[in-house]
Protein backbone atom coordinates (compact mmCIF):
# COMPACT_ATOMS: atom_id res chain seq x y z
CA MET A 1 -66.58 115.09 29.00
CA GLU A 2 -68.70 114.05 26.06
CA LYS A 3 -68.89 110.25 25.83
CA LEU A 4 -68.83 109.63 22.09
CA TYR A 5 -68.88 105.85 22.65
CA TYR A 6 -72.49 106.28 23.78
CA THR A 7 -73.66 108.85 21.21
CA ASP A 8 -71.97 107.10 18.25
CA ARG A 9 -70.85 103.55 19.04
CA TYR A 10 -69.33 103.15 15.54
CA LYS A 11 -67.05 106.18 15.72
CA THR A 12 -63.43 105.06 15.41
CA GLU A 13 -61.61 108.39 15.04
CA PHE A 14 -62.15 111.75 16.75
CA ASP A 15 -60.49 115.06 17.62
CA ALA A 16 -60.32 116.32 21.19
CA LYS A 17 -58.67 118.82 23.51
CA VAL A 18 -56.52 117.80 26.46
CA VAL A 19 -58.18 118.85 29.73
CA ASP A 20 -55.68 117.38 32.19
CA VAL A 21 -52.66 115.06 32.39
CA ILE A 22 -51.79 113.24 35.62
CA GLU A 23 -48.49 111.41 36.02
CA ARG A 24 -48.89 108.23 38.07
CA GLU A 25 -46.47 105.32 38.54
CA GLY A 26 -44.47 106.21 35.44
CA LYS A 27 -47.53 106.50 33.20
CA TYR A 28 -49.69 109.40 32.05
CA LEU A 29 -53.43 109.62 32.64
CA VAL A 30 -54.94 111.87 29.99
CA GLU A 31 -58.37 113.47 30.37
CA LEU A 32 -60.00 114.84 27.19
CA ASP A 33 -63.00 117.06 26.56
CA GLN A 34 -64.57 114.21 24.54
CA THR A 35 -63.64 110.63 23.71
CA ALA A 36 -64.71 107.59 21.70
CA PHE A 37 -62.66 105.32 23.99
CA PHE A 38 -64.97 103.12 26.07
CA PRO A 39 -63.40 102.82 29.55
CA GLY A 40 -64.91 99.40 30.24
CA GLY A 41 -67.92 98.45 32.31
CA GLY A 42 -70.80 96.01 32.59
CA GLY A 43 -68.30 93.18 32.26
CA GLN A 44 -67.02 94.51 28.92
CA PHE A 45 -63.31 95.25 28.52
CA CYS A 46 -62.04 98.73 27.69
CA ASP A 47 -61.02 100.09 24.30
CA LYS A 48 -57.42 100.46 23.21
CA GLY A 49 -55.92 102.48 20.38
CA THR A 50 -53.81 105.64 19.97
CA LEU A 51 -53.71 109.35 20.82
CA ASN A 52 -51.56 111.22 18.29
CA GLY A 53 -49.97 107.88 17.42
CA ILE A 54 -49.11 107.09 21.06
CA GLU A 55 -50.53 103.76 22.22
CA VAL A 56 -53.34 103.84 24.77
CA VAL A 57 -52.46 100.83 26.95
CA ASP A 58 -55.44 101.01 29.31
CA MET A 59 -58.42 103.09 30.40
CA LEU A 60 -59.58 104.26 33.81
CA GLU A 61 -62.87 105.75 34.99
CA GLU A 62 -62.36 107.50 38.32
CA ASN A 63 -64.48 110.06 40.17
CA GLY A 64 -66.69 110.55 37.14
CA LYS A 65 -63.74 111.21 34.82
CA VAL A 66 -62.42 109.05 31.99
CA TYR A 67 -58.63 108.73 31.68
CA HIS A 68 -56.58 107.39 28.77
CA ILE A 69 -53.42 105.72 30.08
CA ILE A 70 -50.29 106.18 27.94
CA GLU A 71 -46.60 105.52 28.61
CA GLU A 72 -45.29 108.58 26.72
CA ASN A 73 -46.47 112.10 27.51
CA LEU A 74 -48.27 114.16 24.89
CA SER A 75 -46.55 117.21 23.45
CA GLU A 76 -49.74 118.82 22.08
CA ASN A 77 -52.98 120.01 23.68
CA GLN A 78 -54.98 118.92 20.63
CA VAL A 79 -55.16 115.19 19.92
CA LYS A 80 -56.48 112.86 17.25
CA GLY A 81 -57.75 109.64 18.77
CA ALA A 82 -58.20 106.31 17.02
CA ILE A 83 -59.67 103.22 18.66
CA ASP A 84 -58.85 99.62 17.82
CA TRP A 85 -62.13 98.76 16.10
CA ASP A 86 -61.56 95.00 15.99
CA ARG A 87 -61.18 94.98 19.78
CA ARG A 88 -64.23 97.25 20.27
CA GLU A 89 -66.41 95.16 17.97
CA ASP A 90 -65.31 91.91 19.59
CA GLY A 91 -65.97 93.20 23.10
CA MET A 92 -69.29 94.69 22.05
CA HIS A 93 -70.40 91.44 20.42
CA GLN A 94 -69.40 89.15 23.30
CA HIS A 95 -71.03 91.50 25.81
CA PHE A 96 -74.22 91.88 23.80
CA GLY A 97 -74.21 88.13 23.11
CA GLN A 98 -74.59 87.66 26.85
CA HIS A 99 -77.63 89.98 26.84
CA VAL A 100 -79.26 87.89 24.10
CA LEU A 101 -78.36 84.58 25.75
CA SER A 102 -79.55 85.71 29.20
CA GLY A 103 -82.79 87.00 27.68
CA CYS A 104 -83.41 83.66 25.97
CA PHE A 105 -82.78 81.63 29.13
CA PHE A 106 -85.13 83.88 31.09
CA THR A 107 -87.86 84.01 28.43
CA LYS A 108 -87.84 80.27 27.72
CA TYR A 109 -87.15 78.78 31.17
CA ASN A 110 -87.56 81.68 33.64
CA ARG A 111 -83.93 81.21 34.77
CA ASN A 112 -81.96 84.35 35.53
CA THR A 113 -78.28 85.17 35.12
CA CYS A 114 -76.10 85.10 38.24
CA GLY A 115 -72.65 85.71 36.73
CA PHE A 116 -70.81 86.76 33.57
CA HIS A 117 -67.18 86.81 32.45
CA LEU A 118 -65.92 88.18 29.14
CA GLY A 119 -62.57 86.59 28.30
CA GLU A 120 -60.01 87.23 25.59
CA ASP A 121 -60.84 83.86 23.98
CA ILE A 122 -64.04 82.57 25.55
CA SER A 123 -66.89 84.13 27.52
CA THR A 124 -69.10 82.52 30.17
CA VAL A 125 -72.51 83.24 31.63
CA ASP A 126 -73.82 81.55 34.78
CA ILE A 127 -77.53 80.66 34.67
CA GLU A 128 -79.61 79.46 37.62
CA GLY A 129 -80.29 75.72 37.79
CA GLU A 130 -79.38 72.84 35.49
CA PHE A 131 -80.16 72.18 31.83
CA THR A 132 -80.36 69.17 29.55
CA ASP A 133 -78.64 69.15 26.16
CA GLU A 134 -82.05 69.52 24.54
CA MET A 135 -82.84 72.63 26.61
CA LEU A 136 -79.49 74.21 25.71
CA LEU A 137 -80.09 73.52 22.02
CA GLU A 138 -83.50 75.22 22.23
CA VAL A 139 -81.90 78.31 23.81
CA GLU A 140 -79.18 78.39 21.15
CA LYS A 141 -81.79 78.15 18.38
CA MET A 142 -83.83 80.92 19.98
CA ALA A 143 -80.77 83.19 20.32
CA ASN A 144 -79.87 82.79 16.66
CA ASP A 145 -83.47 83.40 15.66
CA VAL A 146 -83.28 86.70 17.58
CA ILE A 147 -80.13 87.53 15.60
CA ARG A 148 -81.81 86.59 12.31
CA GLN A 149 -84.75 88.90 13.05
CA ASN A 150 -82.31 91.85 13.23
CA ILE A 151 -84.22 93.49 16.10
CA HIS A 152 -83.46 97.13 16.87
CA VAL A 153 -81.69 97.64 20.21
CA ASP A 154 -83.15 100.56 22.18
CA ILE A 155 -80.82 102.28 24.63
CA PHE A 156 -82.23 105.06 26.80
CA VAL A 157 -81.77 106.84 30.13
CA PRO A 158 -85.18 107.19 31.82
CA SER A 159 -86.03 109.64 34.57
CA LYS A 160 -86.50 108.40 38.13
CA ASP A 161 -90.28 108.40 37.64
CA GLU A 162 -89.99 106.54 34.34
CA LEU A 163 -87.69 103.97 35.96
CA GLU A 164 -90.41 103.02 38.42
CA ASP A 165 -92.62 101.97 35.51
CA THR A 166 -89.82 100.22 33.61
CA TRP A 167 -89.66 96.42 33.91
CA THR A 168 -86.14 94.96 33.93
CA ARG A 169 -85.00 91.34 34.09
CA ARG A 170 -82.78 92.03 37.07
CA LYS A 171 -83.21 94.38 40.00
CA LEU A 172 -81.96 97.90 39.27
CA PRO A 173 -78.87 99.14 41.12
CA ASP A 174 -79.45 101.46 44.07
CA THR A 175 -77.68 104.58 42.82
CA ALA A 176 -78.28 108.30 42.39
CA GLU A 177 -76.48 108.22 39.03
CA GLU A 178 -78.21 107.92 35.67
CA ILE A 179 -79.14 104.36 34.72
CA ARG A 180 -78.85 103.26 31.09
CA ILE A 181 -81.48 100.77 29.98
CA VAL A 182 -80.92 98.32 27.11
CA ARG A 183 -84.06 96.87 25.51
CA ILE A 184 -84.03 94.10 22.89
CA GLY A 185 -87.57 94.15 21.52
CA ASP A 186 -89.80 91.91 23.64
CA LEU A 187 -86.90 89.62 24.56
CA ASP A 188 -85.05 91.46 27.30
CA THR A 189 -84.80 94.74 29.18
CA ASN A 190 -81.94 95.34 31.56
CA ALA A 191 -79.72 98.06 33.01
CA CYS A 192 -76.22 98.18 31.51
CA CYS A 193 -73.39 100.67 31.03
CA GLY A 194 -71.67 98.77 28.22
CA CYS A 195 -71.47 99.40 24.47
CA HIS A 196 -74.02 97.57 22.33
CA PRO A 197 -74.72 97.20 18.60
CA GLU A 198 -77.71 98.95 17.05
CA TYR A 199 -79.29 95.75 15.71
CA THR A 200 -79.18 92.12 16.86
CA GLY A 201 -78.20 91.01 13.34
CA GLU A 202 -74.73 92.48 13.84
CA LEU A 203 -73.92 89.49 16.08
CA LYS A 204 -74.07 87.23 12.98
CA LEU A 205 -73.98 84.05 15.09
CA LEU A 206 -74.07 82.85 18.70
CA LYS A 207 -72.64 79.46 19.60
CA ILE A 208 -72.84 77.64 22.93
CA LYS A 209 -69.57 75.74 23.19
CA ARG A 210 -69.86 73.74 26.43
CA THR A 211 -71.34 73.85 29.94
CA GLU A 212 -70.32 72.84 33.44
CA LYS A 213 -71.98 72.78 36.85
CA CYS A 214 -71.10 75.80 38.99
CA ARG A 215 -72.55 75.60 42.50
CA ASN A 216 -76.34 75.93 42.04
CA ALA A 217 -76.00 77.19 38.48
CA THR A 218 -74.83 76.14 35.03
CA ARG A 219 -71.79 77.87 33.55
CA VAL A 220 -72.30 78.29 29.80
CA GLU A 221 -69.29 78.92 27.56
CA PHE A 222 -70.28 80.81 24.43
CA LEU A 223 -68.94 82.69 21.41
CA ALA A 224 -70.58 85.51 19.50
CA GLY A 225 -69.91 87.47 16.33
CA LYS A 226 -66.63 86.83 14.53
CA ARG A 227 -65.47 84.48 17.29
CA ALA A 228 -68.48 82.23 16.67
CA VAL A 229 -68.06 82.35 12.88
CA ASP A 230 -64.34 81.52 13.12
CA TYR A 231 -65.08 78.65 15.51
CA VAL A 232 -67.73 77.13 13.24
CA LEU A 233 -65.50 77.45 10.16
CA LYS A 234 -62.63 75.76 12.01
CA ARG A 235 -64.87 72.98 13.28
CA ASP A 236 -66.31 72.51 9.79
CA ALA A 237 -62.77 72.09 8.42
CA VAL A 238 -62.11 69.45 11.09
CA MET A 239 -65.37 67.71 10.22
CA THR A 240 -64.50 67.70 6.51
CA SER A 241 -61.07 66.23 7.28
CA LEU A 242 -62.58 63.52 9.52
CA CYS A 243 -65.13 62.55 6.89
CA LYS A 244 -62.35 62.28 4.33
CA HIS A 245 -60.19 60.07 6.59
CA LEU A 246 -63.14 57.89 7.61
CA SER A 247 -64.61 57.72 4.09
CA CYS A 248 -68.06 58.79 5.21
CA ASN A 249 -70.37 61.80 5.02
CA GLU A 250 -71.40 64.09 7.89
CA GLU A 251 -74.74 62.34 8.40
CA ASN A 252 -73.01 59.00 9.06
CA ILE A 253 -69.96 60.15 11.01
CA GLU A 254 -71.45 59.38 14.43
CA LYS A 255 -72.35 55.85 13.33
CA CYS A 256 -68.89 55.46 11.81
CA VAL A 257 -67.16 56.53 15.04
CA LYS A 258 -69.33 54.14 17.08
CA ASN A 259 -68.34 51.28 14.76
CA ILE A 260 -64.68 52.17 15.26
CA GLU A 261 -65.18 52.26 19.04
CA GLU A 262 -66.78 48.81 18.97
CA LYS A 263 -63.91 47.43 16.88
CA CYS A 264 -61.36 49.02 19.23
CA ASP A 265 -63.13 47.52 22.25
CA GLU A 266 -63.00 44.09 20.62
CA ILE A 267 -59.30 44.49 19.76
CA ILE A 268 -58.53 45.61 23.32
CA HIS A 269 -60.47 42.64 24.68
CA GLN A 270 -58.52 40.23 22.47
CA LYS A 271 -55.26 41.96 23.38
CA ASN A 272 -56.02 41.61 27.11
CA MET A 273 -56.82 37.93 26.66
CA LEU A 274 -53.52 37.36 24.83
CA GLU A 275 -51.66 39.36 27.46
CA ASP A 276 -53.18 37.22 30.20
CA GLU A 277 -52.14 34.03 28.39
CA LEU A 278 -48.61 35.34 27.88
CA LEU A 279 -48.56 36.58 31.46
CA ASP A 280 -49.48 33.14 32.79
CA TYR A 281 -46.73 31.61 30.66
CA ARG A 282 -44.19 34.21 31.84
CA ILE A 283 -45.18 33.70 35.49
CA LYS A 284 -44.79 29.93 35.14
CA GLU A 285 -41.33 30.50 33.67
CA LEU A 286 -40.32 32.83 36.51
CA VAL A 287 -41.67 30.49 39.22
CA GLU A 288 -39.62 27.61 37.79
CA LYS A 289 -36.47 29.75 38.13
CA ALA A 290 -37.38 31.03 41.61
CA GLU A 291 -34.89 30.76 44.46
CA LEU A 292 -36.22 28.43 47.17
CA VAL A 293 -35.65 29.50 50.78
CA ASP A 294 -37.18 27.08 53.26
CA ASP A 295 -40.67 26.80 51.73
CA ILE A 296 -40.63 30.31 50.22
CA LYS A 297 -40.16 30.96 46.52
CA LEU A 298 -38.32 34.24 45.81
CA ILE A 299 -38.68 35.54 42.25
CA LYS A 300 -36.29 38.27 41.19
CA ALA A 301 -36.18 39.79 37.72
CA VAL A 302 -35.02 42.83 35.79
CA PHE A 303 -37.37 43.90 32.96
CA LYS A 304 -36.93 46.42 30.18
CA ASP A 305 -39.61 48.84 28.95
CA LYS A 306 -42.55 47.04 30.52
CA ASP A 307 -45.81 48.84 31.23
CA SER A 308 -46.32 49.45 34.97
CA ARG A 309 -49.83 48.00 34.68
CA TYR A 310 -48.34 44.80 33.28
CA LEU A 311 -45.88 44.43 36.18
CA ASN A 312 -48.47 45.19 38.86
CA LYS A 313 -50.79 42.63 37.30
CA MET A 314 -47.97 40.08 37.34
CA VAL A 315 -47.17 40.79 41.00
CA LYS A 316 -50.85 40.49 41.93
CA LYS A 317 -51.19 37.12 40.17
CA ILE A 318 -48.02 35.72 41.73
CA THR A 319 -48.93 36.80 45.27
CA GLU A 320 -52.35 35.15 44.97
CA ASN A 321 -50.45 31.89 45.58
CA GLU A 322 -48.96 30.77 48.90
CA LYS A 323 -45.40 31.48 50.10
CA MET A 324 -44.38 33.71 47.19
CA ALA A 325 -42.07 36.75 47.18
CA VAL A 326 -41.16 39.00 44.24
CA MET A 327 -38.48 41.59 43.62
CA PHE A 328 -38.99 43.24 40.25
CA LEU A 329 -37.09 46.06 38.63
CA ASN A 330 -38.19 47.68 35.35
CA GLU A 331 -35.83 49.82 33.26
CA VAL A 332 -37.69 52.40 31.15
CA SER A 333 -35.36 54.74 29.25
CA ASN A 334 -33.39 56.70 31.86
CA ARG A 335 -35.72 55.71 34.73
CA ILE A 336 -36.15 52.63 36.92
CA ASN A 337 -39.34 51.40 38.59
CA VAL A 338 -39.20 48.95 41.50
CA VAL A 339 -41.85 46.61 42.95
CA PHE A 340 -41.23 44.40 46.02
CA ALA A 341 -43.93 42.17 47.55
CA TYR A 342 -44.62 38.90 49.34
CA THR A 343 -47.68 36.97 50.51
CA GLU A 344 -49.06 37.56 53.98
CA ASP A 345 -48.48 33.94 54.99
CA ILE A 346 -44.73 34.69 55.13
CA ASP A 347 -43.21 35.93 58.39
CA GLY A 348 -40.68 38.07 56.57
CA PRO A 349 -38.85 41.39 56.85
CA SER A 350 -40.33 44.77 55.92
CA MET A 351 -40.19 45.26 52.17
CA SER A 352 -40.41 49.00 52.77
CA ASP A 353 -37.26 48.90 54.95
CA ILE A 354 -35.38 46.83 52.35
CA LEU A 355 -36.36 49.25 49.58
CA ARG A 356 -35.41 52.35 51.58
CA SER A 357 -32.06 50.81 52.60
CA ASN A 358 -30.95 50.24 49.01
CA ILE A 359 -32.82 52.82 46.90
CA SER A 360 -29.88 55.26 47.08
CA ILE A 361 -27.95 52.88 44.80
CA ILE A 362 -30.23 53.96 41.96
CA GLU A 363 -30.59 57.52 43.28
CA GLY A 364 -34.26 57.02 43.96
CA LYS A 365 -37.09 57.25 46.46
CA GLY A 366 -39.83 54.91 47.57
CA GLY A 367 -41.68 53.23 50.39
CA GLY A 368 -44.61 51.07 51.32
CA SER A 369 -45.51 48.52 53.97
CA ARG A 370 -44.17 45.29 55.41
CA TYR A 371 -45.69 43.21 52.63
CA SER A 372 -45.19 45.49 49.61
CA ALA A 373 -43.19 48.51 48.50
CA GLN A 374 -42.67 50.54 45.34
CA GLY A 375 -40.18 53.15 44.23
CA GLY A 376 -38.35 54.77 41.37
CA GLY A 377 -34.86 55.89 40.51
CA VAL A 378 -32.31 56.63 37.81
CA ASN A 379 -31.18 54.06 35.25
CA ASN A 380 -27.50 54.53 36.15
CA GLY A 381 -26.26 51.04 35.29
CA LYS A 382 -26.58 49.73 38.85
CA SER A 383 -29.78 47.73 38.49
CA ASP A 384 -28.10 44.37 39.19
CA GLU A 385 -26.30 45.73 42.27
CA PHE A 386 -29.55 47.12 43.64
CA ILE A 387 -31.57 43.94 43.10
CA GLU A 388 -28.80 41.67 44.49
CA LYS A 389 -28.33 43.68 47.69
CA SER A 390 -32.09 43.83 48.20
CA CYS A 391 -32.41 40.06 47.76
CA LYS A 392 -29.56 39.41 50.24
CA MET A 393 -31.31 41.54 52.87
CA PHE A 394 -34.54 39.61 52.34
CA LEU A 395 -32.84 36.19 52.51
CA ALA A 396 -30.74 37.14 55.55
CA HIS A 397 -33.94 37.30 57.59
CA PHE A 398 -34.41 33.53 57.21
CA GLU A 399 -30.86 32.46 58.04
């Protein structure tokens, strides 16, 4: 089979003869005498398109043969093939973008590539070691300078003797098959079976999006070609919108955001102070209405739409005093949250047992310890029944 995707990477349509058709699992594997369909390899996804108008849903390379997988059998022995160029170009650009990026990391910092994944939306390359933001920016600048220089990409298949004298960034595979070498000027030379553009300038742009630590390497998310251009245009639109809303220009947006953060921090601080003052007032009010049992003050209350942080803070403050017990229930929409607690200087019953004994009233679940318990249930109109029965169980212990 003649592999047109290697001899003419820009060929989108071709004529071919059917050599063989294999039926497998309800699909048809078509072998042709020549094809422009790249079957995938080197981390690059396969081409898709049509044969005589029938969709090619996948590709398979098996035992040295390339198969086009279709779901409807061909009726002719002569076919006209057409590949999905947008998919080919995208895959080619992301794959080649990794070559450029890996070459830049190796050239600038002597760090090699230890992993690569080409995704439908984002691609990643794993590079040995860790990098600062400044180092990543230098690599990104270098990669885009390589693109700007529009360097010719040499692709060749050397003989075994020539291979011995050919330097490559990574160790060559141990195989008897032909090895394709991809050389990007003085930047990078590596073995690869993928499809690549003829010039680096075809990438247009390479953008590092984010990084994360991955074992002993750094995983770099990147975009190349149209993906990178679309991403930058979208981000520019967001930046323009932000500048408009914040009444500032791009140069001052970071300072503007920091000012907003400082103002928000101050507002939150003032809010917390006011909340604490109101909380102290509310606690004083609840303590005055508490039920006195021996020398224990039992505070029971049903709240509506309170923040759980607010209630927990209230419980914590109350139980910092001596001989205090609380039974709080908070109704939030169709749910109920429950908090029971008492101070450790009380020889009382298990709050967890009390909660578990009555939680079925509100169709809920919960648990805890002797001194505190929490749970949740359904706001089914039985809040008062639940809190009253729970209080009776607590008080019965002291009778």
